[in-house]
Amino acid sequence: MIRDLCDGQLEGAEIGSTEIMFTPEKIKGGIHTADTKTAGSVCLLMQVSMPCVLFAASASELRLKGGTNAEMAPQIDYTTMVFKPIVEKFGFKFNCDIKMRGYYPKGGGEVIVRMSPVKQLNPINLTDRGSVTKIYGRAFVAGVLPFKVAKDMAAAAVRCIRKEIRDLYVNIQPVQEPKDQAFGNGNGIIIIAETSTGCLFAGSSLGKRGVNADKVGIEAAEMLLANLRHGGAVDEYLQDQLIIFMALACGVSRIKTGPVTLHTQTAIHFAEQLAKAKFSVKKSEDEEDASKDTYIIECQGIGMTNPYL
């Protein structure tokens, strides 16, 4: 996909290859289509293409096909409800239109992402978590799965959260995906906590054959609660997705996180190698974090500027 975005040269990009050679050219805007042909994640296609098209010569429309709610990748709902509002703090906007949802194993989903290029990215500071003010989410079924499954996932998740957070109304909507907007069968849940300072945290889970609905709901709830315990201002799945933007931004960015994930360490490693950005990861020195595993990731961004604007 990235080769096609910039009319570049790519060698060795096949299964079993141990090295690739990529020579990029000018990043161009316009319409680009990428199809995994499986339940491969459209969110991962978006993740890799977004930093590129921000520095394109003109506006872009990315037509991405594959899985929208798939394992081992952000669900599209996470991308639109958590990633989008936070990443837009870097000073750009994008529009994500979910045309069709697709699930494992068939895929068949499609999203259209539209965005305009920027001259430069602003640095971000996400270090003040604030207090949790609302918790909401959606529990969905698609295809042949009965609506009761969505209601059961939602109810189990609410019960699990109530044990720990008693003073907030937890609003998880059960949803039957419309037949013309979902390909194949699937079920899952995403729950989001919003704080007084605008931080967003999520827990999510996907149904699998033979796993009962309550278990799916509880897994998502427990993931959310774990992300609220560590004292960070981003959840464990957002931290690595912000690294490349911090590296490209103009100025110093800081984010407060829970334990630094292997994904984040990897993202930092490559951002330092390829973009020459400088990162530091230090234990948070705030009093309220003393008993917690909380870190500050700081980055001196390279101030990438768009040569075409």
C-alpha atoms as a PDB file:
ATOM      1  CA  MET A   1       0.000   0.000   0.000  1.00  0.00           C
ATOM      2  CA  ILE A   2       2.751   2.458   0.904  1.00  0.00           C
ATOM      3  CA  ARG A   3       4.621   1.628  -2.291  1.00  0.00           C
ATOM      4  CA  ASP A   4       1.497   2.540  -4.267  1.00  0.00           C
ATOM      5  CA  LEU A   5       0.887   5.739  -2.272  1.00  0.00           C
ATOM      6  CA  CYS A   6       4.205   7.099  -3.473  1.00  0.00           C
ATOM      7  CA  ASP A   7       4.932   5.225  -6.727  1.00  0.00           C
ATOM      8  CA  GLY A   8       7.920   3.711  -4.970  1.00  0.00           C
ATOM      9  CA  GLN A   9      10.030   0.628  -5.678  1.00  0.00           C
ATOM     10  CA  LEU A  10       9.581  -2.399  -3.426  1.00  0.00           C
ATOM     11  CA  GLU A  11      11.606  -5.610  -3.612  1.00  0.00           C
ATOM     12  CA  GLY A  12      11.450  -8.739  -1.473  1.00  0.00           C
ATOM     13  CA  ALA A  13       7.940  -8.093  -0.129  1.00  0.00           C
ATOM     14  CA  GLU A  14       6.720 -11.658  -0.288  1.00  0.00           C
ATOM     15  CA  ILE A  15       6.022 -14.397   2.224  1.00  0.00           C
ATOM     16  CA  GLY A  16       9.227 -16.052   3.401  1.00  0.00           C
ATOM     17  CA  SER A  17      11.438 -13.103   2.482  1.00  0.00           C
ATOM     18  CA  THR A  18      14.013 -12.087   5.113  1.00  0.00           C
ATOM     19  CA  GLU A  19      14.690  -8.598   3.814  1.00  0.00           C
ATOM     20  CA  ILE A  20      12.941  -5.929   1.823  1.00  0.00           C
ATOM     21  CA  MET A  21      14.191  -2.970  -0.124  1.00  0.00           C
ATOM     22  CA  PHE A  22      11.891   0.021  -0.359  1.00  0.00           C
ATOM     23  CA  THR A  23      12.659   3.184  -2.318  1.00  0.00           C
ATOM     24  CA  PRO A  24       9.934   5.793  -1.824  1.00  0.00           C
ATOM     25  CA  GLU A  25       9.128   8.580  -4.283  1.00  0.00           C
ATOM     26  CA  LYS A  26       6.798  11.581  -4.002  1.00  0.00           C
ATOM     27  CA  ILE A  27       3.751  10.900  -1.792  1.00  0.00           C
ATOM     28  CA  LYS A  28       0.685  11.694  -3.836  1.00  0.00           C
ATOM     29  CA  GLY A  29      -2.878  12.401  -2.776  1.00  0.00           C
ATOM     30  CA  GLY A  30      -5.992  11.208  -4.573  1.00  0.00           C
ATOM     31  CA  ILE A  31      -7.871   7.928  -4.320  1.00  0.00           C
ATOM     32  CA  HIS A  32      -6.024   4.827  -3.149  1.00  0.00           C
ATOM     33  CA  THR A  33      -7.545   1.363  -2.732  1.00  0.00           C
ATOM     34  CA  ALA A  34      -6.013  -1.397  -0.599  1.00  0.00           C
ATOM     35  CA  ASP A  35      -7.692  -4.782  -0.216  1.00  0.00           C
ATOM     36  CA  THR A  36      -6.360  -7.450   2.164  1.00  0.00           C
ATOM     37  CA  LYS A  37      -8.728  -9.974   0.474  1.00  0.00           C
ATOM     38  CA  THR A  38      -9.132 -11.596   3.915  1.00  0.00           C
ATOM     39  CA  ALA A  39     -10.127 -10.437   7.405  1.00  0.00           C
ATOM     40  CA  GLY A  40      -6.757  -8.665   7.554  1.00  0.00           C
ATOM     41  CA  SER A  41      -7.333  -5.435   9.438  1.00  0.00           C
ATOM     42  CA  VAL A  42      -8.341  -2.214   7.671  1.00  0.00           C
ATOM     43  CA  CYS A  43      -7.229  -0.425  10.853  1.00  0.00           C
ATOM     44  CA  LEU A  44      -3.651  -1.586  10.333  1.00  0.00           C
ATOM     45  CA  LEU A  45      -3.759  -0.360   6.723  1.00  0.00           C
ATOM     46  CA  MET A  46      -4.943   2.987   8.082  1.00  0.00           C
ATOM     47  CA  GLN A  47      -2.236   3.014  10.752  1.00  0.00           C
ATOM     48  CA  VAL A  48       0.565   2.638   8.229  1.00  0.00           C
ATOM     49  CA  SER A  49      -0.819   4.980   5.544  1.00  0.00           C
ATOM     50  CA  MET A  50      -2.019   7.900   7.678  1.00  0.00           C
ATOM     51  CA  PRO A  51       1.397   9.388   8.580  1.00  0.00           C
ATOM     52  CA  CYS A  52       2.326   9.236   4.871  1.00  0.00           C
ATOM     53  CA  VAL A  53      -0.733  10.925   3.402  1.00  0.00           C
ATOM     54  CA  LEU A  54      -0.452  13.734   5.967  1.00  0.00           C
ATOM     55  CA  PHE A  55       2.624  14.753   3.993  1.00  0.00           C
ATOM     56  CA  ALA A  56       1.130  14.216   0.534  1.00  0.00           C
ATOM     57  CA  ALA A  57       0.822  16.853  -2.161  1.00  0.00           C
ATOM     58  CA  SER A  58      -2.998  16.934  -2.006  1.00  0.00           C
ATOM     59  CA  ALA A  59      -6.034  15.464  -0.195  1.00  0.00           C
ATOM     60  CA  SER A  60      -6.375  11.697  -0.050  1.00  0.00           C
ATOM     61  CA  GLU A  61      -9.189   9.176  -0.053  1.00  0.00           C
ATOM     62  CA  LEU A  62      -8.176   5.738   1.202  1.00  0.00           C
ATOM     63  CA  ARG A  63     -10.553   2.890   0.353  1.00  0.00           C
ATOM     64  CA  LEU A  64      -9.560   0.099   2.698  1.00  0.00           C
ATOM     65  CA  LYS A  65     -11.001  -3.418   2.494  1.00  0.00           C
ATOM     66  CA  GLY A  66     -10.739  -6.375   4.866  1.00  0.00           C
ATOM     67  CA  GLY A  67     -11.681  -6.938   8.497  1.00  0.00           C
ATOM     68  CA  THR A  68     -13.089  -4.020  10.511  1.00  0.00           C
ATOM     69  CA  ASN A  69     -13.493  -5.943  13.775  1.00  0.00           C
ATOM     70  CA  ALA A  70     -10.709  -8.513  13.783  1.00  0.00           C
ATOM     71  CA  GLU A  71      -8.340 -10.102  16.297  1.00  0.00           C
ATOM     72  CA  MET A  72      -4.776  -8.822  16.835  1.00  0.00           C
ATOM     73  CA  ALA A  73      -5.628  -5.304  15.662  1.00  0.00           C
ATOM     74  CA  PRO A  74      -7.671  -2.318  16.823  1.00  0.00           C
ATOM     75  CA  GLN A  75     -11.381  -2.666  16.114  1.00  0.00           C
ATOM     76  CA  ILE A  76     -12.676   0.085  13.810  1.00  0.00           C
ATOM     77  CA  ASP A  77     -14.768   1.351  16.737  1.00  0.00           C
ATOM     78  CA  TYR A  78     -11.570   1.854  18.744  1.00  0.00           C
ATOM     79  CA  THR A  79     -10.061   3.735  15.810  1.00  0.00           C
ATOM     80  CA  THR A  80     -13.032   6.098  15.489  1.00  0.00           C
ATOM     81  CA  MET A  81     -13.909   6.492  19.185  1.00  0.00           C
ATOM     82  CA  VAL A  82     -10.467   6.589  20.868  1.00  0.00           C
ATOM     83  CA  PHE A  83      -7.607   6.910  18.364  1.00  0.00           C
ATOM     84  CA  LYS A  84      -9.283   9.570  16.196  1.00  0.00           C
ATOM     85  CA  PRO A  85     -10.094  12.250  18.814  1.00  0.00           C
ATOM     86  CA  ILE A  86      -6.669  11.881  20.447  1.00  0.00           C
ATOM     87  CA  VAL A  87      -4.532  11.776  17.297  1.00  0.00           C
ATOM     88  CA  GLU A  88      -6.350  14.846  15.967  1.00  0.00           C
ATOM     89  CA  LYS A  89      -4.657  16.793  18.800  1.00  0.00           C
ATOM     90  CA  PHE A  90      -1.554  16.725  16.572  1.00  0.00           C
ATOM     91  CA  GLY A  91      -3.370  19.302  14.437  1.00  0.00           C
ATOM     92  CA  PHE A  92      -5.151  17.451  11.647  1.00  0.00           C
ATOM     93  CA  LYS A  93      -8.608  16.010  11.009  1.00  0.00           C
ATOM     94  CA  PHE A  94      -9.715  12.904   9.193  1.00  0.00           C
ATOM     95  CA  ASN A  95     -13.049  11.420   8.279  1.00  0.00           C
ATOM     96  CA  CYS A  96     -13.723   7.690   8.577  1.00  0.00           C
ATOM     97  CA  ASP A  97     -16.804   6.313   6.847  1.00  0.00           C
ATOM     98  CA  ILE A  98     -17.631   2.667   7.673  1.00  0.00           C
ATOM     99  CA  LYS A  99     -19.324   1.336   4.531  1.00  0.00           C
ATOM    100  CA  MET A 100     -19.386  -2.326   5.505  1.00  0.00           C
ATOM    101  CA  ARG A 101     -18.221  -4.236   8.556  1.00  0.00           C
ATOM    102  CA  GLY A 102     -16.199  -7.404   8.046  1.00  0.00           C
ATOM    103  CA  TYR A 103     -15.248 -10.179  10.485  1.00  0.00           C
ATOM    104  CA  TYR A 104     -12.985 -13.207  10.707  1.00  0.00           C
ATOM    105  CA  PRO A 105     -12.657 -15.338   8.584  1.00  0.00           C
ATOM    106  CA  LYS A 106     -14.416 -13.776   5.589  1.00  0.00           C
ATOM    107  CA  GLY A 107     -13.453 -10.113   5.850  1.00  0.00           C
ATOM    108  CA  GLY A 108     -15.422  -8.167   3.259  1.00  0.00           C
ATOM    109  CA  GLY A 109     -15.479  -4.940   5.263  1.00  0.00           C
ATOM    110  CA  GLU A 110     -14.798  -1.531   3.772  1.00  0.00           C
ATOM    111  CA  VAL A 111     -13.987   1.858   5.246  1.00  0.00           C
ATOM    112  CA  ILE A 112     -13.253   5.097   3.445  1.00  0.00           C
ATOM    113  CA  VAL A 113     -10.810   7.484   5.098  1.00  0.00           C
ATOM    114  CA  ARG A 114     -10.561  11.050   3.833  1.00  0.00           C
ATOM    115  CA  MET A 115      -7.919  13.510   4.936  1.00  0.00           C
ATOM    116  CA  SER A 116      -6.060  16.603   3.836  1.00  0.00           C
ATOM    117  CA  PRO A 117      -2.312  17.069   4.119  1.00  0.00           C
ATOM    118  CA  VAL A 118      -0.709  19.333   6.745  1.00  0.00           C
ATOM    119  CA  LYS A 119       2.321  21.611   6.645  1.00  0.00           C
ATOM    120  CA  GLN A 120       3.519  20.345  10.034  1.00  0.00           C
ATOM    121  CA  LEU A 121       2.278  18.382  13.067  1.00  0.00           C
ATOM    122  CA  ASN A 122       1.914  20.018  16.483  1.00  0.00           C
ATOM    123  CA  PRO A 123       3.376  18.282  19.535  1.00  0.00           C
ATOM    124  CA  ILE A 124       0.992  16.905  22.177  1.00  0.00           C
ATOM    125  CA  ASN A 125       0.950  16.779  25.950  1.00  0.00           C
ATOM    126  CA  LEU A 126      -1.188  14.003  27.448  1.00  0.00           C
ATOM    127  CA  THR A 127      -0.061  13.853  31.053  1.00  0.00           C
ATOM    128  CA  ASP A 128      -3.105  14.954  33.073  1.00  0.00           C
ATOM    129  CA  ARG A 129      -5.523  12.075  33.355  1.00  0.00           C
ATOM    130  CA  GLY A 130      -8.273  13.757  35.370  1.00  0.00           C
ATOM    131  CA  SER A 131     -11.107  11.676  36.806  1.00  0.00           C
ATOM    132  CA  VAL A 132     -13.446   9.313  34.981  1.00  0.00           C
ATOM    133  CA  THR A 133     -16.693  11.129  34.125  1.00  0.00           C
ATOM    134  CA  LYS A 134     -18.483   8.666  31.854  1.00  0.00           C
ATOM    135  CA  ILE A 135     -18.407   5.096  30.661  1.00  0.00           C
ATOM    136  CA  TYR A 136     -20.209   4.018  27.501  1.00  0.00           C
ATOM    137  CA  GLY A 137     -19.930   1.514  24.690  1.00  0.00           C
ATOM    138  CA  ARG A 138     -21.520  -0.784  22.151  1.00  0.00           C
ATOM    139  CA  ALA A 139     -22.039  -4.541  22.122  1.00  0.00           C
ATOM    140  CA  PHE A 140     -22.757  -5.795  18.617  1.00  0.00           C
ATOM    141  CA  VAL A 141     -23.961  -8.874  16.780  1.00  0.00           C
ATOM    142  CA  ALA A 142     -23.903  -9.311  13.017  1.00  0.00           C
ATOM    143  CA  GLY A 143     -25.220 -11.927  10.614  1.00  0.00           C
ATOM    144  CA  VAL A 144     -26.953 -14.996  12.067  1.00  0.00           C
ATOM    145  CA  LEU A 145     -26.069 -14.334  15.712  1.00  0.00           C
ATOM    146  CA  PRO A 146     -29.098 -13.672  17.948  1.00  0.00           C
ATOM    147  CA  PHE A 147     -29.590 -10.199  19.455  1.00  0.00           C
ATOM    148  CA  LYS A 148     -29.652 -11.807  22.913  1.00  0.00           C
ATOM    149  CA  VAL A 149     -25.871 -12.297  22.571  1.00  0.00           C
ATOM    150  CA  ALA A 150     -25.366  -8.515  22.339  1.00  0.00           C
ATOM    151  CA  LYS A 151     -27.601  -7.934  25.363  1.00  0.00           C
ATOM    152  CA  ASP A 152     -25.764 -10.614  27.371  1.00  0.00           C
ATOM    153  CA  MET A 153     -22.315  -9.176  26.543  1.00  0.00           C
ATOM    154  CA  ALA A 154     -23.478  -5.699  27.572  1.00  0.00           C
ATOM    155  CA  ALA A 155     -25.116  -6.862  30.821  1.00  0.00           C
ATOM    156  CA  ALA A 156     -22.081  -8.930  31.884  1.00  0.00           C
ATOM    157  CA  ALA A 157     -19.734  -6.023  31.188  1.00  0.00           C
ATOM    158  CA  VAL A 158     -21.898  -3.588  33.174  1.00  0.00           C
ATOM    159  CA  ARG A 159     -22.003  -5.989  36.155  1.00  0.00           C
ATOM    160  CA  CYS A 160     -18.223  -6.363  36.075  1.00  0.00           C
ATOM    161  CA  ILE A 161     -17.574  -2.582  35.965  1.00  0.00           C
ATOM    162  CA  ARG A 162     -20.132  -1.875  38.729  1.00  0.00           C
ATOM    163  CA  LYS A 163     -18.120  -4.004  41.149  1.00  0.00           C
ATOM    164  CA  GLU A 164     -15.289  -1.490  40.904  1.00  0.00           C
ATOM    165  CA  ILE A 165     -16.917   1.786  39.811  1.00  0.00           C
ATOM    166  CA  ARG A 166     -20.212   2.281  41.601  1.00  0.00           C
ATOM    167  CA  ASP A 167     -20.960   5.968  41.181  1.00  0.00           C
ATOM    168  CA  LEU A 168     -21.161   6.207  37.370  1.00  0.00           C
ATOM    169  CA  TYR A 169     -23.945   5.160  35.020  1.00  0.00           C
ATOM    170  CA  VAL A 170     -22.508   2.646  32.536  1.00  0.00           C
ATOM    171  CA  ASN A 171     -24.245   2.968  29.176  1.00  0.00           C
ATOM    172  CA  ILE A 172     -23.466   0.038  26.864  1.00  0.00           C
ATOM    173  CA  GLN A 173     -25.844  -0.162  23.914  1.00  0.00           C
ATOM    174  CA  PRO A 174     -26.607  -3.588  22.430  1.00  0.00           C
ATOM    175  CA  VAL A 175     -26.591  -3.289  18.611  1.00  0.00           C
ATOM    176  CA  GLN A 176     -27.763  -5.510  15.774  1.00  0.00           C
ATOM    177  CA  GLU A 177     -25.630  -4.494  12.786  1.00  0.00           C
ATOM    178  CA  PRO A 178     -27.905  -3.854   9.776  1.00  0.00           C
ATOM    179  CA  LYS A 179     -27.773  -6.634   7.162  1.00  0.00           C
ATOM    180  CA  ASP A 180     -26.604  -4.256   4.431  1.00  0.00           C
ATOM    181  CA  GLN A 181     -23.767  -2.895   6.588  1.00  0.00           C
ATOM    182  CA  ALA A 182     -22.132  -6.113   7.785  1.00  0.00           C
ATOM    183  CA  PHE A 183     -20.633  -9.000   5.825  1.00  0.00           C
ATOM    184  CA  GLY A 184     -20.614 -12.402   7.510  1.00  0.00           C
ATOM    185  CA  ASN A 185     -21.154 -13.199  11.184  1.00  0.00           C
ATOM    186  CA  GLY A 186     -19.514 -11.674  14.219  1.00  0.00           C
ATOM    187  CA  ASN A 187     -19.982 -10.346  17.717  1.00  0.00           C
ATOM    188  CA  GLY A 188     -17.969  -8.149  20.027  1.00  0.00           C
ATOM    189  CA  ILE A 189     -17.943  -5.253  22.443  1.00  0.00           C
ATOM    190  CA  ILE A 190     -16.057  -2.030  23.058  1.00  0.00           C
ATOM    191  CA  ILE A 191     -16.333   0.016  26.264  1.00  0.00           C
ATOM    192  CA  ILE A 192     -14.897   3.498  26.640  1.00  0.00           C
ATOM    193  CA  ALA A 193     -14.145   5.586  29.706  1.00  0.00           C
ATOM    194  CA  GLU A 194     -13.878   9.341  29.291  1.00  0.00           C
ATOM    195  CA  THR A 195     -12.205  11.629  31.832  1.00  0.00           C
ATOM    196  CA  SER A 196     -12.629  15.231  32.959  1.00  0.00           C
ATOM    197  CA  THR A 197      -9.549  16.244  30.927  1.00  0.00           C
ATOM    198  CA  GLY A 198     -10.704  14.503  27.730  1.00  0.00           C
ATOM    199  CA  CYS A 199      -8.582  11.359  28.044  1.00  0.00           C
ATOM    200  CA  LEU A 200     -10.109   8.203  26.564  1.00  0.00           C
ATOM    201  CA  PHE A 201      -9.521   4.585  27.585  1.00  0.00           C
ATOM    202  CA  ALA A 202     -11.026   1.439  26.142  1.00  0.00           C
ATOM    203  CA  GLY A 203     -11.522  -2.246  26.711  1.00  0.00           C
ATOM    204  CA  SER A 204     -12.739  -4.483  23.911  1.00  0.00           C
ATOM    205  CA  SER A 205     -13.239  -8.104  23.024  1.00  0.00           C
ATOM    206  CA  LEU A 206     -14.442 -10.202  20.109  1.00  0.00           C
ATOM    207  CA  GLY A 207     -16.645 -13.283  20.264  1.00  0.00           C
ATOM    208  CA  LYS A 208     -15.278 -16.591  19.023  1.00  0.00           C
ATOM    209  CA  ARG A 209     -17.091 -19.812  18.294  1.00  0.00           C
ATOM    210  CA  GLY A 210     -17.793 -21.643  21.544  1.00  0.00           C
ATOM    211  CA  VAL A 211     -17.076 -18.693  23.867  1.00  0.00           C
ATOM    212  CA  ASN A 212     -20.143 -17.601  25.775  1.00  0.00           C
ATOM    213  CA  ALA A 213     -21.350 -14.011  25.578  1.00  0.00           C
ATOM    214  CA  ASP A 214     -20.812 -13.211  29.276  1.00  0.00           C
ATOM    215  CA  LYS A 215     -17.157 -14.098  28.985  1.00  0.00           C
ATOM    216  CA  VAL A 216     -16.676 -11.713  26.040  1.00  0.00           C
ATOM    217  CA  GLY A 217     -18.315  -8.859  27.969  1.00  0.00           C
ATOM    218  CA  ILE A 218     -16.286  -9.526  31.110  1.00  0.00           C
ATOM    219  CA  GLU A 219     -13.002  -9.673  29.164  1.00  0.00           C
ATOM    220  CA  ALA A 220     -13.631  -6.189  27.712  1.00  0.00           C
ATOM    221  CA  ALA A 221     -14.670  -4.793  31.100  1.00  0.00           C
ATOM    222  CA  GLU A 222     -11.578  -6.198  32.813  1.00  0.00           C
ATOM    223  CA  MET A 223      -9.333  -4.751  30.104  1.00  0.00           C
ATOM    224  CA  LEU A 224     -10.882  -1.304  30.619  1.00  0.00           C
ATOM    225  CA  LEU A 225     -10.552  -1.509  34.409  1.00  0.00           C
ATOM    226  CA  ALA A 226      -6.893  -2.560  34.109  1.00  0.00           C
ATOM    227  CA  ASN A 227      -6.248   0.471  31.895  1.00  0.00           C
ATOM    228  CA  LEU A 228      -7.864   2.751  34.482  1.00  0.00           C
ATOM    229  CA  ARG A 229      -5.706   1.394  37.329  1.00  0.00           C
ATOM    230  CA  HIS A 230      -2.259   2.294  36.006  1.00  0.00           C
ATOM    231  CA  GLY A 231      -2.657   6.065  36.246  1.00  0.00           C
ATOM    232  CA  GLY A 232      -1.594   6.789  32.656  1.00  0.00           C
ATOM    233  CA  ALA A 233      -3.394   9.258  30.388  1.00  0.00           C
ATOM    234  CA  VAL A 234      -3.550   6.829  27.441  1.00  0.00           C
ATOM    235  CA  ASP A 235      -4.437   3.143  27.399  1.00  0.00           C
ATOM    236  CA  GLU A 236      -1.971   0.386  26.517  1.00  0.00           C
ATOM    237  CA  TYR A 237      -3.218   0.197  22.909  1.00  0.00           C
ATOM    238  CA  LEU A 238      -2.985   3.894  22.149  1.00  0.00           C
ATOM    239  CA  GLN A 239       0.581   4.398  23.388  1.00  0.00           C
ATOM    240  CA  ASP A 240       2.347   2.727  20.460  1.00  0.00           C
ATOM    241  CA  GLN A 241      -0.015   4.269  17.881  1.00  0.00           C
ATOM    242  CA  LEU A 242       1.051   7.797  18.918  1.00  0.00           C
ATOM    243  CA  ILE A 243       4.830   7.253  18.649  1.00  0.00           C
ATOM    244  CA  ILE A 244       5.222   7.947  14.925  1.00  0.00           C
ATOM    245  CA  PHE A 245       3.225  11.191  15.180  1.00  0.00           C
ATOM    246  CA  MET A 246       5.304  12.331  18.174  1.00  0.00           C
ATOM    247  CA  ALA A 247       8.456  11.594  16.147  1.00  0.00           C
ATOM    248  CA  LEU A 248       7.283  13.678  13.177  1.00  0.00           C
ATOM    249  CA  ALA A 249       5.822  16.603  15.154  1.00  0.00           C
ATOM    250  CA  CYS A 250       7.547  19.940  15.592  1.00  0.00           C
ATOM    251  CA  GLY A 251       8.561  20.264  19.269  1.00  0.00           C
ATOM    252  CA  VAL A 252       8.442  18.224  22.451  1.00  0.00           C
ATOM    253  CA  SER A 253       5.568  15.769  23.035  1.00  0.00           C
ATOM    254  CA  ARG A 254       4.872  14.054  26.347  1.00  0.00           C
ATOM    255  CA  ILE A 255       2.468  11.233  27.179  1.00  0.00           C
ATOM    256  CA  LYS A 256       1.875   9.550  30.510  1.00  0.00           C
ATOM    257  CA  THR A 257       1.375   5.800  30.217  1.00  0.00           C
ATOM    258  CA  GLY A 258       1.067   2.646  32.251  1.00  0.00           C
ATOM    259  CA  PRO A 259       3.680  -0.080  31.685  1.00  0.00           C
ATOM    260  CA  VAL A 260       5.412   0.540  28.335  1.00  0.00           C
ATOM    261  CA  THR A 261       4.421  -2.227  25.920  1.00  0.00           C
ATOM    262  CA  LEU A 262       6.737  -4.144  23.622  1.00  0.00           C
ATOM    263  CA  HIS A 263       4.876  -2.572  20.668  1.00  0.00           C
ATOM    264  CA  THR A 264       5.731   0.884  21.999  1.00  0.00           C
ATOM    265  CA  GLN A 265       9.389  -0.033  22.587  1.00  0.00           C
ATOM    266  CA  THR A 266       9.548  -1.317  19.010  1.00  0.00           C
ATOM    267  CA  ALA A 267       7.884   1.820  17.602  1.00  0.00           C
ATOM    268  CA  ILE A 268      10.354   4.026  19.514  1.00  0.00           C
ATOM    269  CA  HIS A 269      13.297   1.956  18.288  1.00  0.00           C
ATOM    270  CA  PHE A 270      12.350   2.429  14.631  1.00  0.00           C
ATOM    271  CA  ALA A 271      11.309   6.063  14.998  1.00  0.00           C
ATOM    272  CA  GLU A 272      14.760   6.795  16.454  1.00  0.00           C
ATOM    273  CA  GLN A 273      16.540   4.782  13.756  1.00  0.00           C
ATOM    274  CA  LEU A 274      14.599   5.995  10.730  1.00  0.00           C
ATOM    275  CA  ALA A 275      13.402   9.467  11.670  1.00  0.00           C
ATOM    276  CA  LYS A 276      16.266  10.433  14.013  1.00  0.00           C
ATOM    277  CA  ALA A 277      13.741  11.544  16.657  1.00  0.00           C
ATOM    278  CA  LYS A 278      14.882  11.393  20.291  1.00  0.00           C
ATOM    279  CA  PHE A 279      12.774   9.632  22.915  1.00  0.00           C
ATOM    280  CA  SER A 280      13.110   9.232  26.657  1.00  0.00           C
ATOM    281  CA  VAL A 281      11.075   6.902  28.874  1.00  0.00           C
ATOM    282  CA  LYS A 282      11.136   7.689  32.606  1.00  0.00           C
ATOM    283  CA  LYS A 283       9.173   6.570  35.630  1.00  0.00           C
ATOM    284  CA  SER A 284       6.588   9.226  36.537  1.00  0.00           C
ATOM    285  CA  GLU A 285       7.669  11.314  39.528  1.00  0.00           C
ATOM    286  CA  ASP A 286       4.172  12.587  40.464  1.00  0.00           C
ATOM    287  CA  GLU A 287       3.182  11.751  44.038  1.00  0.00           C
ATOM    288  CA  GLU A 288      -0.105  10.154  42.990  1.00  0.00           C
ATOM    289  CA  ASP A 289       1.836   7.748  40.734  1.00  0.00           C
ATOM    290  CA  ALA A 290       4.317   6.653  43.396  1.00  0.00           C
ATOM    291  CA  SER A 291       2.598   3.325  44.051  1.00  0.00           C
ATOM    292  CA  LYS A 292       1.791   2.711  40.365  1.00  0.00           C
ATOM    293  CA  ASP A 293       3.670   1.530  37.305  1.00  0.00           C
ATOM    294  CA  THR A 294       3.428   4.873  35.476  1.00  0.00           C
ATOM    295  CA  TYR A 295       5.812   6.358  32.918  1.00  0.00           C
ATOM    296  CA  ILE A 296       6.381   9.544  30.945  1.00  0.00           C
ATOM    297  CA  ILE A 297       7.351   9.074  27.302  1.00  0.00           C
ATOM    298  CA  GLU A 298       8.913  12.256  25.977  1.00  0.00           C
ATOM    299  CA  CYS A 299       9.948  12.935  22.409  1.00  0.00           C
ATOM    300  CA  GLN A 300      11.842  15.703  20.674  1.00  0.00           C
ATOM    301  CA  GLY A 301      10.100  15.542  17.300  1.00  0.00           C
ATOM    302  CA  ILE A 302      11.970  16.169  14.052  1.00  0.00           C
ATOM    303  CA  GLY A 303       9.567  18.876  12.819  1.00  0.00           C
ATOM    304  CA  MET A 304       8.857  17.172   9.489  1.00  0.00           C
ATOM    305  CA  THR A 305       7.520  19.720   7.005  1.00  0.00           C
ATOM    306  CA  ASN A 306       5.416  18.970   3.961  1.00  0.00           C
ATOM    307  CA  PRO A 307       7.486  19.954   0.892  1.00  0.00           C
ATOM    308  CA  TYR A 308       4.385  20.269  -1.295  1.00  0.00           C
ATOM    309  CA  LEU A 309       2.473  22.854   0.755  1.00  0.00           C
END
